[in-house]
C-alpha cells in the first residue's frame, strides 16, 4: 500500500524484483534505459522509461541512462538533448549516471 492507502500496482517484473531482494539474491536495484541517439523518442520509449525508472524508484534503486551506440553513423547530439529533455518531462532523472557513445562525445563540445 502506498502512503495514500492506494494499492501499489504490481506485475511479474516487480514481483520478481521483490522476490530477489527478499531472498537476498540482490541487495539493491539498478536498472538502465538504453535509447539510441539516432532519432526522437516515441510512445514505445515512454513505456520503457516508465518501467525502468519506475522499478528503480519503487525499490529505492537507481536507473542509468546509457545511450546505445549500435548505429554510430546516424547518432547526433541533437537527439541526445531531445531524449534527455523528454525523460525529464516524464518526471525522471538519472543524476550523474548518463553514459554516452564515443561517437557523440568525440563529435560534440556542447556539454552533453
PDB file of N, CA and C in Angstrom:
ATOM      1  N   UNK A   1       0.831  -1.181   0.000  1.00  0.00           N
ATOM      2  CA  UNK A   1       0.000   0.000   0.000  1.00  0.00           C
ATOM      3  C   UNK A   1       0.879   1.249   0.000  1.00  0.00           C
ATOM      4  N   UNK A   2       0.449   2.211  -0.726  1.00  0.00           N
ATOM      5  CA  UNK A   2       1.164   3.479  -0.734  1.00  0.00           C
ATOM      6  C   UNK A   2       0.761   4.299   0.482  1.00  0.00           C
ATOM      7  N   UNK A   3       1.391   5.441   0.660  1.00  0.00           N
ATOM      8  CA  UNK A   3       1.063   6.307   1.795  1.00  0.00           C
ATOM      9  C   UNK A   3      -0.393   6.729   1.782  1.00  0.00           C
ATOM     10  N   UNK A   4      -0.971   6.884   0.603  1.00  0.00           N
ATOM     11  CA  UNK A   4      -2.354   7.329   0.487  1.00  0.00           C
ATOM     12  C   UNK A   4      -3.346   6.186   0.665  1.00  0.00           C
ATOM     13  N   UNK A   5      -2.850   4.981   0.936  1.00  0.00           N
ATOM     14  CA  UNK A   5      -3.738   3.838   1.121  1.00  0.00           C
ATOM     15  C   UNK A   5      -4.156   3.174  -0.176  1.00  0.00           C
ATOM     16  N   UNK A   6      -3.606   3.609  -1.269  1.00  0.00           N
ATOM     17  CA  UNK A   6      -3.912   3.007  -2.557  1.00  0.00           C
ATOM     18  C   UNK A   6      -2.942   1.861  -2.799  1.00  0.00           C
ATOM     19  N   UNK A   7      -3.443   0.737  -3.290  1.00  0.00           N
ATOM     20  CA  UNK A   7      -2.519  -0.376  -3.561  1.00  0.00           C
ATOM     21  C   UNK A   7      -1.478   0.007  -4.609  1.00  0.00           C
ATOM     22  N   UNK A   8      -0.237  -0.404  -4.381  1.00  0.00           N
ATOM     23  CA  UNK A   8       0.821  -0.188  -5.361  1.00  0.00           C
ATOM     24  C   UNK A   8       0.648  -1.215  -6.468  1.00  0.00           C
ATOM     25  N   UNK A   9       0.619  -0.764  -7.728  1.00  0.00           N
ATOM     26  CA  UNK A   9       0.446  -1.724  -8.816  1.00  0.00           C
ATOM     27  C   UNK A   9       1.598  -2.719  -8.856  1.00  0.00           C
ATOM     28  N   UNK A  10       1.280  -3.923  -9.279  1.00  0.00           N
ATOM     29  CA  UNK A  10       2.320  -4.942  -9.368  1.00  0.00           C
ATOM     30  C   UNK A  10       2.200  -5.673 -10.699  1.00  0.00           C
ATOM     31  N   UNK A  11       3.243  -6.352 -11.042  1.00  0.00           N
ATOM     32  CA  UNK A  11       3.267  -7.185 -12.236  1.00  0.00           C
ATOM     33  C   UNK A  11       4.397  -8.183 -12.052  1.00  0.00           C
ATOM     34  N   UNK A  12       4.588  -9.045 -13.004  1.00  0.00           N
ATOM     35  CA  UNK A  12       5.583 -10.105 -12.844  1.00  0.00           C
ATOM     36  C   UNK A  12       7.000  -9.554 -12.684  1.00  0.00           C
ATOM     37  N   UNK A  13       7.289  -8.418 -13.270  1.00  0.00           N
ATOM     38  CA  UNK A  13       8.627  -7.852 -13.144  1.00  0.00           C
ATOM     39  C   UNK A  13       8.849  -7.364 -11.715  1.00  0.00           C
ATOM     40  N   UNK A  14       7.901  -6.584 -11.201  1.00  0.00           N
ATOM     41  CA  UNK A  14       8.032  -6.084  -9.833  1.00  0.00           C
ATOM     42  C   UNK A  14       8.023  -7.240  -8.825  1.00  0.00           C
ATOM     43  N   UNK A  15       7.229  -8.250  -9.094  1.00  0.00           N
ATOM     44  CA  UNK A  15       7.198  -9.409  -8.197  1.00  0.00           C
ATOM     45  C   UNK A  15       8.549 -10.132  -8.187  1.00  0.00           C
ATOM     46  N   UNK A  16       9.184 -10.253  -9.358  1.00  0.00           N
ATOM     47  CA  UNK A  16      10.495 -10.905  -9.432  1.00  0.00           C
ATOM     48  C   UNK A  16      11.558 -10.070  -8.719  1.00  0.00           C
ATOM     49  N   UNK A  17      11.513  -8.766  -8.886  1.00  0.00           N
ATOM     50  CA  UNK A  17      12.470  -7.886  -8.213  1.00  0.00           C
ATOM     51  C   UNK A  17      12.278  -7.986  -6.697  1.00  0.00           C
ATOM     52  N   UNK A  18      11.034  -7.935  -6.243  1.00  0.00           N
ATOM     53  CA  UNK A  18      10.751  -8.030  -4.804  1.00  0.00           C
ATOM     54  C   UNK A  18      11.237  -9.360  -4.243  1.00  0.00           C
ATOM     55  N   UNK A  19      11.011 -10.443  -4.986  1.00  0.00           N
ATOM     56  CA  UNK A  19      11.444 -11.764  -4.525  1.00  0.00           C
ATOM     57  C   UNK A  19      12.971 -11.847  -4.438  1.00  0.00           C
ATOM     58  N   UNK A  20      13.656 -11.298  -5.422  1.00  0.00           N
ATOM     59  CA  UNK A  20      15.129 -11.303  -5.407  1.00  0.00           C
ATOM     60  C   UNK A  20      15.677 -10.503  -4.233  1.00  0.00           C
ATOM     61  N   UNK A  21      15.055  -9.368  -3.946  1.00  0.00           N
ATOM     62  CA  UNK A  21      15.500  -8.563  -2.811  1.00  0.00           C
ATOM     63  C   UNK A  21      15.217  -9.273  -1.486  1.00  0.00           C
ATOM     64  N   UNK A  22      14.035  -9.850  -1.395  1.00  0.00           N
ATOM     65  CA  UNK A  22      13.639 -10.528  -0.156  1.00  0.00           C
ATOM     66  C   UNK A  22      14.530 -11.744   0.125  1.00  0.00           C
ATOM     67  N   UNK A  23      14.882 -12.479  -0.916  1.00  0.00           N
ATOM     68  CA  UNK A  23      15.692 -13.687  -0.742  1.00  0.00           C
ATOM     69  C   UNK A  23      17.168 -13.370  -0.501  1.00  0.00           C
ATOM     70  N   UNK A  24      17.567 -12.137  -0.763  1.00  0.00           N
ATOM     71  CA  UNK A  24      18.962 -11.768  -0.609  1.00  0.00           C
ATOM     72  C   UNK A  24      19.801 -12.020  -1.850  1.00  0.00           C
ATOM     73  N   UNK A  25      19.161 -12.454  -2.926  1.00  0.00           N
ATOM     74  CA  UNK A  25      19.904 -12.663  -4.172  1.00  0.00           C
ATOM     75  C   UNK A  25      20.590 -11.373  -4.601  1.00  0.00           C
ATOM     76  N   UNK A  26      19.874 -10.266  -4.451  1.00  0.00           N
ATOM     77  CA  UNK A  26      20.428  -8.932  -4.693  1.00  0.00           C
ATOM     78  C   UNK A  26      20.064  -8.061  -3.504  1.00  0.00           C
ATOM     79  N   UNK A  27      20.900  -7.049  -3.236  1.00  0.00           N
ATOM     80  CA  UNK A  27      20.581  -6.175  -2.118  1.00  0.00           C
ATOM     81  C   UNK A  27      20.307  -4.735  -2.571  1.00  0.00           C
ATOM     82  N   UNK A  28      20.251  -4.521  -3.872  1.00  0.00           N
ATOM     83  CA  UNK A  28      19.896  -3.212  -4.397  1.00  0.00           C
ATOM     84  C   UNK A  28      19.335  -3.379  -5.807  1.00  0.00           C
ATOM     85  N   UNK A  29      18.680  -2.326  -6.288  1.00  0.00           N
ATOM     86  CA  UNK A  29      18.108  -2.337  -7.634  1.00  0.00           C
ATOM     87  C   UNK A  29      18.839  -1.296  -8.475  1.00  0.00           C
ATOM     88  N   UNK A  30      19.307  -1.728  -9.642  1.00  0.00           N
ATOM     89  CA  UNK A  30      19.933  -0.837 -10.603  1.00  0.00           C
ATOM     90  C   UNK A  30      19.399  -1.247 -11.966  1.00  0.00           C
ATOM     91  N   UNK A  31      18.709  -0.322 -12.636  1.00  0.00           N
ATOM     92  CA  UNK A  31      18.179  -0.586 -13.970  1.00  0.00           C
ATOM     93  C   UNK A  31      18.850   0.375 -14.951  1.00  0.00           C
ATOM     94  N   UNK A  32      18.524   0.212 -16.226  1.00  0.00           N
ATOM     95  CA  UNK A  32      19.060   1.132 -17.225  1.00  0.00           C
ATOM     96  C   UNK A  32      18.042   1.328 -18.332  1.00  0.00           C
ATOM     97  N   UNK A  33      18.065   2.509 -18.893  1.00  0.00           N
ATOM     98  CA  UNK A  33      17.287   2.793 -20.086  1.00  0.00           C
ATOM     99  C   UNK A  33      18.282   3.110 -21.186  1.00  0.00           C
ATOM    100  N   UNK A  34      18.314   2.297 -22.260  1.00  0.00           N
ATOM    101  CA  UNK A  34      19.343   2.452 -23.297  1.00  0.00           C
ATOM    102  C   UNK A  34      18.820   2.971 -24.645  1.00  0.00           C
ATOM    103  N   UNK A  35      18.428   4.241 -24.745  1.00  0.00           N
ATOM    104  CA  UNK A  35      17.968   4.713 -26.054  1.00  0.00           C
ATOM    105  C   UNK A  35      19.131   4.859 -27.037  1.00  0.00           C
ATOM    106  N   UNK A  36      18.808   4.826 -28.300  1.00  0.00           N
ATOM    107  CA  UNK A  36      19.806   5.093 -29.338  1.00  0.00           C
ATOM    108  C   UNK A  36      19.669   6.557 -29.748  1.00  0.00           C
ATOM    109  N   UNK A  37      20.746   7.311 -29.764  1.00  0.00           N
ATOM    110  CA  UNK A  37      20.660   8.733 -30.110  1.00  0.00           C
ATOM    111  C   UNK A  37      20.625   8.974 -31.619  1.00  0.00           C
ATOM    112  N   UNK A  38      19.738   8.266 -32.297  1.00  0.00           N
ATOM    113  CA  UNK A  38      19.631   8.422 -33.751  1.00  0.00           C
ATOM    114  C   UNK A  38      18.217   8.810 -34.173  1.00  0.00           C
ATOM    115  N   UNK A  39      17.448   9.334 -33.232  1.00  0.00           N
ATOM    116  CA  UNK A  39      16.093   9.784 -33.522  1.00  0.00           C
ATOM    117  C   UNK A  39      15.424  10.261 -32.251  1.00  0.00           C
ATOM    118  N   UNK A  40      14.215  10.764 -32.403  1.00  0.00           N
ATOM    119  CA  UNK A  40      13.452  11.236 -31.252  1.00  0.00           C
ATOM    120  C   UNK A  40      12.730  10.058 -30.600  1.00  0.00           C
ATOM    121  N   UNK A  41      12.400  10.212 -29.330  1.00  0.00           N
ATOM    122  CA  UNK A  41      11.680   9.156 -28.625  1.00  0.00           C
ATOM    123  C   UNK A  41      10.230   9.104 -29.099  1.00  0.00           C
ATOM    124  N   UNK A  42       9.616   7.928 -28.990  1.00  0.00           N
ATOM    125  CA  UNK A  42       8.213   7.745 -29.353  1.00  0.00           C
ATOM    126  C   UNK A  42       7.491   7.089 -28.184  1.00  0.00           C
ATOM    127  N   UNK A  43       6.224   6.817 -28.333  1.00  0.00           N
ATOM    128  CA  UNK A  43       5.396   6.316 -27.232  1.00  0.00           C
ATOM    129  C   UNK A  43       5.916   4.982 -26.679  1.00  0.00           C
ATOM    130  N   UNK A  44       6.494   4.159 -27.518  1.00  0.00           N
ATOM    131  CA  UNK A  44       7.061   2.900 -27.037  1.00  0.00           C
ATOM    132  C   UNK A  44       8.215   3.127 -26.076  1.00  0.00           C
ATOM    133  N   UNK A  45       8.998   4.162 -26.335  1.00  0.00           N
ATOM    134  CA  UNK A  45      10.080   4.510 -25.413  1.00  0.00           C
ATOM    135  C   UNK A  45       9.516   4.931 -24.064  1.00  0.00           C
ATOM    136  N   UNK A  46       8.394   5.657 -24.089  1.00  0.00           N
ATOM    137  CA  UNK A  46       7.802   6.123 -22.829  1.00  0.00           C
ATOM    138  C   UNK A  46       7.460   4.953 -21.926  1.00  0.00           C
ATOM    139  N   UNK A  47       6.978   3.879 -22.510  1.00  0.00           N
ATOM    140  CA  UNK A  47       6.668   2.688 -21.715  1.00  0.00           C
ATOM    141  C   UNK A  47       7.943   2.126 -21.081  1.00  0.00           C
ATOM    142  N   UNK A  48       9.003   2.007 -21.882  1.00  0.00           N
ATOM    143  CA  UNK A  48      10.268   1.507 -21.361  1.00  0.00           C
ATOM    144  C   UNK A  48      10.842   2.414 -20.278  1.00  0.00           C
ATOM    145  N   UNK A  49      10.733   3.712 -20.482  1.00  0.00           N
ATOM    146  CA  UNK A  49      11.222   4.677 -19.495  1.00  0.00           C
ATOM    147  C   UNK A  49      10.481   4.493 -18.181  1.00  0.00           C
ATOM    148  N   UNK A  50       9.170   4.403 -18.260  1.00  0.00           N
ATOM    149  CA  UNK A  50       8.370   4.238 -17.039  1.00  0.00           C
ATOM    150  C   UNK A  50       8.662   2.921 -16.333  1.00  0.00           C
ATOM    151  N   UNK A  51       8.904   1.872 -17.077  1.00  0.00           N
ATOM    152  CA  UNK A  51       9.230   0.583 -16.448  1.00  0.00           C
ATOM    153  C   UNK A  51      10.590   0.666 -15.765  1.00  0.00           C
ATOM    154  N   UNK A  52      11.619   1.084 -16.500  1.00  0.00           N
ATOM    155  CA  UNK A  52      12.972   1.076 -15.948  1.00  0.00           C
ATOM    156  C   UNK A  52      13.151   2.072 -14.800  1.00  0.00           C
ATOM    157  N   UNK A  53      12.772   3.315 -15.029  1.00  0.00           N
ATOM    158  CA  UNK A  53      12.918   4.317 -13.977  1.00  0.00           C
ATOM    159  C   UNK A  53      11.935   4.049 -12.841  1.00  0.00           C
ATOM    160  N   UNK A  54      10.725   3.590 -13.180  1.00  0.00           N
ATOM    161  CA  UNK A  54       9.706   3.326 -12.162  1.00  0.00           C
ATOM    162  C   UNK A  54      10.079   2.198 -11.220  1.00  0.00           C
ATOM    163  N   UNK A  55      10.609   1.110 -11.751  1.00  0.00           N
ATOM    164  CA  UNK A  55      11.027  -0.007 -10.893  1.00  0.00           C
ATOM    165  C   UNK A  55      12.161   0.438  -9.975  1.00  0.00           C
ATOM    166  N   UNK A  56      13.126   1.138 -10.535  1.00  0.00           N
ATOM    167  CA  UNK A  56      14.228   1.626  -9.700  1.00  0.00           C
ATOM    168  C   UNK A  56      13.687   2.521  -8.583  1.00  0.00           C
ATOM    169  N   UNK A  57      12.799   3.416  -8.932  1.00  0.00           N
ATOM    170  CA  UNK A  57      12.223   4.329  -7.950  1.00  0.00           C
ATOM    171  C   UNK A  57      11.416   3.576  -6.893  1.00  0.00           C
ATOM    172  N   UNK A  58      10.588   2.641  -7.319  1.00  0.00           N
ATOM    173  CA  UNK A  58       9.732   1.889  -6.384  1.00  0.00           C
ATOM    174  C   UNK A  58      10.528   1.088  -5.368  1.00  0.00           C
ATOM    175  N   UNK A  59      11.719   0.649  -5.750  1.00  0.00           N
ATOM    176  CA  UNK A  59      12.520  -0.197  -4.863  1.00  0.00           C
ATOM    177  C   UNK A  59      13.725   0.537  -4.275  1.00  0.00           C
ATOM    178  N   UNK A  60      13.705   1.868  -4.359  1.00  0.00           N
ATOM    179  CA  UNK A  60      14.784   2.648  -3.770  1.00  0.00           C
ATOM    180  C   UNK A  60      16.112   2.514  -4.500  1.00  0.00           C
ATOM    181  N   UNK A  61      16.050   2.165  -5.780  1.00  0.00           N
ATOM    182  CA  UNK A  61      17.267   1.977  -6.556  1.00  0.00           C
ATOM    183  C   UNK A  61      17.554   3.141  -7.475  1.00  0.00           C
ATOM    184  N   UNK A  62      18.402   2.883  -8.441  1.00  0.00           N
ATOM    185  CA  UNK A  62      18.822   3.900  -9.399  1.00  0.00           C
ATOM    186  C   UNK A  62      18.648   3.370 -10.818  1.00  0.00           C
ATOM    187  N   UNK A  63      18.432   4.290 -11.738  1.00  0.00           N
ATOM    188  CA  UNK A  63      18.356   3.920 -13.152  1.00  0.00           C
ATOM    189  C   UNK A  63      19.407   4.711 -13.916  1.00  0.00           C
ATOM    190  N   UNK A  64      20.230   4.004 -14.670  1.00  0.00           N
ATOM    191  CA  UNK A  64      21.240   4.623 -15.521  1.00  0.00           C
ATOM    192  C   UNK A  64      20.626   4.972 -16.872  1.00  0.00           C
ATOM    193  N   UNK A  65      21.064   6.064 -17.422  1.00  0.00           N
ATOM    194  CA  UNK A  65      20.706   6.436 -18.783  1.00  0.00           C
ATOM    195  C   UNK A  65      21.934   6.133 -19.624  1.00  0.00           C
ATOM    196  N   UNK A  66      21.871   5.032 -20.362  1.00  0.00           N
ATOM    197  CA  UNK A  66      23.024   4.578 -21.135  1.00  0.00           C
ATOM    198  C   UNK A  66      22.686   4.627 -22.614  1.00  0.00           C
ATOM    199  N   UNK A  67      23.194   5.639 -23.284  1.00  0.00           N
ATOM    200  CA  UNK A  67      22.909   5.775 -24.704  1.00  0.00           C
ATOM    201  C   UNK A  67      23.610   4.667 -25.479  1.00  0.00           C
ATOM    202  N   UNK A  68      22.835   3.946 -26.270  1.00  0.00           N
ATOM    203  CA  UNK A  68      23.353   2.832 -27.051  1.00  0.00           C
ATOM    204  C   UNK A  68      24.061   3.360 -28.289  1.00  0.00           C
ATOM    205  N   UNK A  69      25.028   2.619 -28.762  1.00  0.00           N
ATOM    206  CA  UNK A  69      25.764   3.080 -29.946  1.00  0.00           C
ATOM    207  C   UNK A  69      25.809   2.016 -31.031  1.00  0.00           C
ATOM    208  N   UNK A  70      24.663   1.403 -31.288  1.00  0.00           N
ATOM    209  CA  UNK A  70      24.620   0.346 -32.291  1.00  0.00           C
ATOM    210  C   UNK A  70      24.605   0.876 -33.724  1.00  0.00           C
ATOM    211  N   UNK A  71      24.319   2.152 -33.896  1.00  0.00           N
ATOM    212  CA  UNK A  71      24.273   2.724 -35.241  1.00  0.00           C
ATOM    213  C   UNK A  71      24.989   4.081 -35.239  1.00  0.00           C
ATOM    214  N   UNK A  72      26.325   4.078 -35.061  1.00  0.00           N
ATOM    215  CA  UNK A  72      27.057   5.335 -34.880  1.00  0.00           C
ATOM    216  C   UNK A  72      26.959   6.313 -36.038  1.00  0.00           C
ATOM    217  N   UNK A  73      26.686   5.844 -37.225  1.00  0.00           N
ATOM    218  CA  UNK A  73      26.619   6.735 -38.385  1.00  0.00           C
ATOM    219  C   UNK A  73      25.455   7.724 -38.258  1.00  0.00           C
ATOM    220  N   UNK A  74      24.374   7.312 -37.594  1.00  0.00           N
ATOM    221  CA  UNK A  74      23.182   8.163 -37.502  1.00  0.00           C
ATOM    222  C   UNK A  74      23.047   8.890 -36.162  1.00  0.00           C
ATOM    223  N   UNK A  75      24.002   8.737 -35.263  1.00  0.00           N
ATOM    224  CA  UNK A  75      23.903   9.362 -33.946  1.00  0.00           C
ATOM    225  C   UNK A  75      24.209  10.853 -34.026  1.00  0.00           C
ATOM    226  N   UNK A  76      23.398  11.639 -33.306  1.00  0.00           N
ATOM    227  CA  UNK A  76      23.603  13.083 -33.279  1.00  0.00           C
ATOM    228  C   UNK A  76      23.322  13.618 -31.888  1.00  0.00           C
ATOM    229  N   UNK A  77      24.076  14.644 -31.501  1.00  0.00           N
ATOM    230  CA  UNK A  77      23.889  15.233 -30.175  1.00  0.00           C
ATOM    231  C   UNK A  77      22.502  15.868 -30.037  1.00  0.00           C
ATOM    232  N   UNK A  78      21.903  16.304 -31.126  1.00  0.00           N
ATOM    233  CA  UNK A  78      20.544  16.853 -31.098  1.00  0.00           C
ATOM    234  C   UNK A  78      19.574  15.850 -30.474  1.00  0.00           C
ATOM    235  N   UNK A  79      19.726  14.577 -30.839  1.00  0.00           N
ATOM    236  CA  UNK A  79      18.824  13.550 -30.317  1.00  0.00           C
ATOM    237  C   UNK A  79      19.095  13.257 -28.845  1.00  0.00           C
ATOM    238  N   UNK A  80      20.359  13.335 -28.449  1.00  0.00           N
ATOM    239  CA  UNK A  80      20.697  13.140 -27.036  1.00  0.00           C
ATOM    240  C   UNK A  80      19.998  14.200 -26.199  1.00  0.00           C
ATOM    241  N   UNK A  81      20.126  15.458 -26.607  1.00  0.00           N
ATOM    242  CA  UNK A  81      19.477  16.557 -25.871  1.00  0.00           C
ATOM    243  C   UNK A  81      17.963  16.367 -25.819  1.00  0.00           C
ATOM    244  N   UNK A  82      17.363  16.038 -26.951  1.00  0.00           N
ATOM    245  CA  UNK A  82      15.912  15.867 -27.014  1.00  0.00           C
ATOM    246  C   UNK A  82      15.459  14.700 -26.135  1.00  0.00           C
ATOM    247  N   UNK A  83      16.196  13.608 -26.165  1.00  0.00           N
ATOM    248  CA  UNK A  83      15.818  12.444 -25.364  1.00  0.00           C
ATOM    249  C   UNK A  83      15.928  12.746 -23.875  1.00  0.00           C
ATOM    250  N   UNK A  84      16.989  13.420 -23.474  1.00  0.00           N
ATOM    251  CA  UNK A  84      17.136  13.796 -22.065  1.00  0.00           C
ATOM    252  C   UNK A  84      15.985  14.706 -21.633  1.00  0.00           C
ATOM    253  N   UNK A  85      15.652  15.654 -22.478  1.00  0.00           N
ATOM    254  CA  UNK A  85      14.551  16.570 -22.174  1.00  0.00           C
ATOM    255  C   UNK A  85      13.230  15.809 -22.020  1.00  0.00           C
ATOM    256  N   UNK A  86      12.973  14.865 -22.907  1.00  0.00           N
ATOM    257  CA  UNK A  86      11.732  14.087 -22.840  1.00  0.00           C
ATOM    258  C   UNK A  86      11.665  13.235 -21.577  1.00  0.00           C
ATOM    259  N   UNK A  87      12.780  12.634 -21.199  1.00  0.00           N
ATOM    260  CA  UNK A  87      12.810  11.798 -19.994  1.00  0.00           C
ATOM    261  C   UNK A  87      12.557  12.656 -18.759  1.00  0.00           C
ATOM    262  N   UNK A  88      13.159  13.830 -18.719  1.00  0.00           N
ATOM    263  CA  UNK A  88      12.898  14.751 -17.604  1.00  0.00           C
ATOM    264  C   UNK A  88      11.437  15.188 -17.595  1.00  0.00           C
ATOM    265  N   UNK A  89      10.875  15.406 -18.779  1.00  0.00           N
ATOM    266  CA  UNK A  89       9.472  15.806 -18.877  1.00  0.00           C
ATOM    267  C   UNK A  89       8.560  14.734 -18.281  1.00  0.00           C
ATOM    268  N   UNK A  90       8.952  13.469 -18.414  1.00  0.00           N
ATOM    269  CA  UNK A  90       8.176  12.370 -17.820  1.00  0.00           C
ATOM    270  C   UNK A  90       8.371  12.281 -16.308  1.00  0.00           C
ATOM    271  N   UNK A  91       9.293  13.072 -15.777  1.00  0.00           N
ATOM    272  CA  UNK A  91       9.461  13.139 -14.332  1.00  0.00           C
ATOM    273  C   UNK A  91      10.616  12.335 -13.768  1.00  0.00           C
ATOM    274  N   UNK A  92      11.544  11.923 -14.607  1.00  0.00           N
ATOM    275  CA  UNK A  92      12.653  11.086 -14.145  1.00  0.00           C
ATOM    276  C   UNK A  92      13.983  11.810 -14.291  1.00  0.00           C
ATOM    277  N   UNK A  93      14.931  11.390 -13.461  1.00  0.00           N
ATOM    278  CA  UNK A  93      16.273  11.956 -13.501  1.00  0.00           C
ATOM    279  C   UNK A  93      17.269  10.833 -13.254  1.00  0.00           C
ATOM    280  N   UNK A  94      18.373  10.861 -13.923  1.00  0.00           N
ATOM    281  CA  UNK A  94      19.404   9.827 -13.825  1.00  0.00           C
ATOM    282  C   UNK A  94      20.625  10.328 -13.061  1.00  0.00           C
ATOM    283  N   UNK A  95      20.534  11.550 -12.542  1.00  0.00           N
ATOM    284  CA  UNK A  95      21.657  12.105 -11.789  1.00  0.00           C
ATOM    285  C   UNK A  95      22.895  12.210 -12.660  1.00  0.00           C
ATOM    286  N   UNK A  96      24.006  11.667 -12.166  1.00  0.00           N
ATOM    287  CA  UNK A  96      25.254  11.701 -12.928  1.00  0.00           C
ATOM    288  C   UNK A  96      25.512  10.382 -13.651  1.00  0.00           C
ATOM    289  N   UNK A  97      24.468   9.568 -13.809  1.00  0.00           N
ATOM    290  CA  UNK A  97      24.625   8.238 -14.405  1.00  0.00           C
ATOM    291  C   UNK A  97      24.165   8.222 -15.863  1.00  0.00           C
ATOM    292  N   UNK A  98      24.755   9.091 -16.680  1.00  0.00           N
ATOM    293  CA  UNK A  98      24.472   9.132 -18.107  1.00  0.00           C
ATOM    294  C   UNK A  98      25.723   8.673 -18.845  1.00  0.00           C
ATOM    295  N   UNK A  99      25.594   7.624 -19.616  1.00  0.00           N
ATOM    296  CA  UNK A  99      26.722   7.044 -20.334  1.00  0.00           C
ATOM    297  C   UNK A  99      26.522   7.325 -21.819  1.00  0.00           C
ATOM    298  N   UNK A 100      27.500   7.957 -22.433  1.00  0.00           N
ATOM    299  CA  UNK A 100      27.374   8.408 -23.809  1.00  0.00           C
ATOM    300  C   UNK A 100      28.227   7.575 -24.758  1.00  0.00           C
ATOM    301  N   UNK A 101      27.767   7.419 -26.001  1.00  0.00           N
ATOM    302  CA  UNK A 101      28.596   6.758 -27.016  1.00  0.00           C
ATOM    303  C   UNK A 101      29.826   7.599 -27.335  1.00  0.00           C
ATOM    304  N   UNK A 102      30.917   6.936 -27.644  1.00  0.00           N
ATOM    305  CA  UNK A 102      32.145   7.643 -28.013  1.00  0.00           C
ATOM    306  C   UNK A 102      31.939   8.536 -29.225  1.00  0.00           C
ATOM    307  N   UNK A 103      31.103   8.098 -30.152  1.00  0.00           N
ATOM    308  CA  UNK A 103      30.912   8.893 -31.379  1.00  0.00           C
ATOM    309  C   UNK A 103      30.292  10.244 -31.067  1.00  0.00           C
ATOM    310  N   UNK A 104      29.381  10.295 -30.111  1.00  0.00           N
ATOM    311  CA  UNK A 104      28.759  11.561 -29.733  1.00  0.00           C
ATOM    312  C   UNK A 104      29.743  12.410 -28.938  1.00  0.00           C
ATOM    313  N   UNK A 105      30.442  11.787 -28.010  1.00  0.00           N
ATOM    314  CA  UNK A 105      31.395  12.537 -27.189  1.00  0.00           C
ATOM    315  C   UNK A 105      32.515  13.144 -28.024  1.00  0.00           C
ATOM    316  N   UNK A 106      32.992  12.390 -28.997  1.00  0.00           N
ATOM    317  CA  UNK A 106      34.108  12.884 -29.792  1.00  0.00           C
ATOM    318  C   UNK A 106      33.688  13.945 -30.804  1.00  0.00           C
ATOM    319  N   UNK A 107      32.414  13.995 -31.153  1.00  0.00           N
ATOM    320  CA  UNK A 107      31.976  14.956 -32.162  1.00  0.00           C
ATOM    321  C   UNK A 107      31.264  16.169 -31.565  1.00  0.00           C
ATOM    322  N   UNK A 108      31.181  16.239 -30.222  1.00  0.00           N
ATOM    323  CA  UNK A 108      30.434  17.315 -29.611  1.00  0.00           C
ATOM    324  C   UNK A 108      31.252  18.018 -28.545  1.00  0.00           C
ATOM    325  N   UNK A 109      31.072  19.293 -28.472  1.00  0.00           N
ATOM    326  CA  UNK A 109      31.689  20.071 -27.388  1.00  0.00           C
ATOM    327  C   UNK A 109      30.603  20.818 -26.628  1.00  0.00           C
ATOM    328  N   UNK A 110      29.377  20.310 -26.724  1.00  0.00           N
ATOM    329  CA  UNK A 110      28.239  21.061 -26.177  1.00  0.00           C
ATOM    330  C   UNK A 110      27.876  20.669 -24.765  1.00  0.00           C
ATOM    331  N   UNK A 111      28.752  19.990 -24.038  1.00  0.00           N
ATOM    332  CA  UNK A 111      28.480  19.692 -22.644  1.00  0.00           C
ATOM    333  C   UNK A 111      27.384  18.668 -22.424  1.00  0.00           C
ATOM    334  N   UNK A 112      27.385  17.618 -23.207  1.00  0.00           N
ATOM    335  CA  UNK A 112      26.387  16.578 -23.045  1.00  0.00           C
ATOM    336  C   UNK A 112      26.608  15.851 -21.753  1.00  0.00           C
TER     337      UNK A 112
END
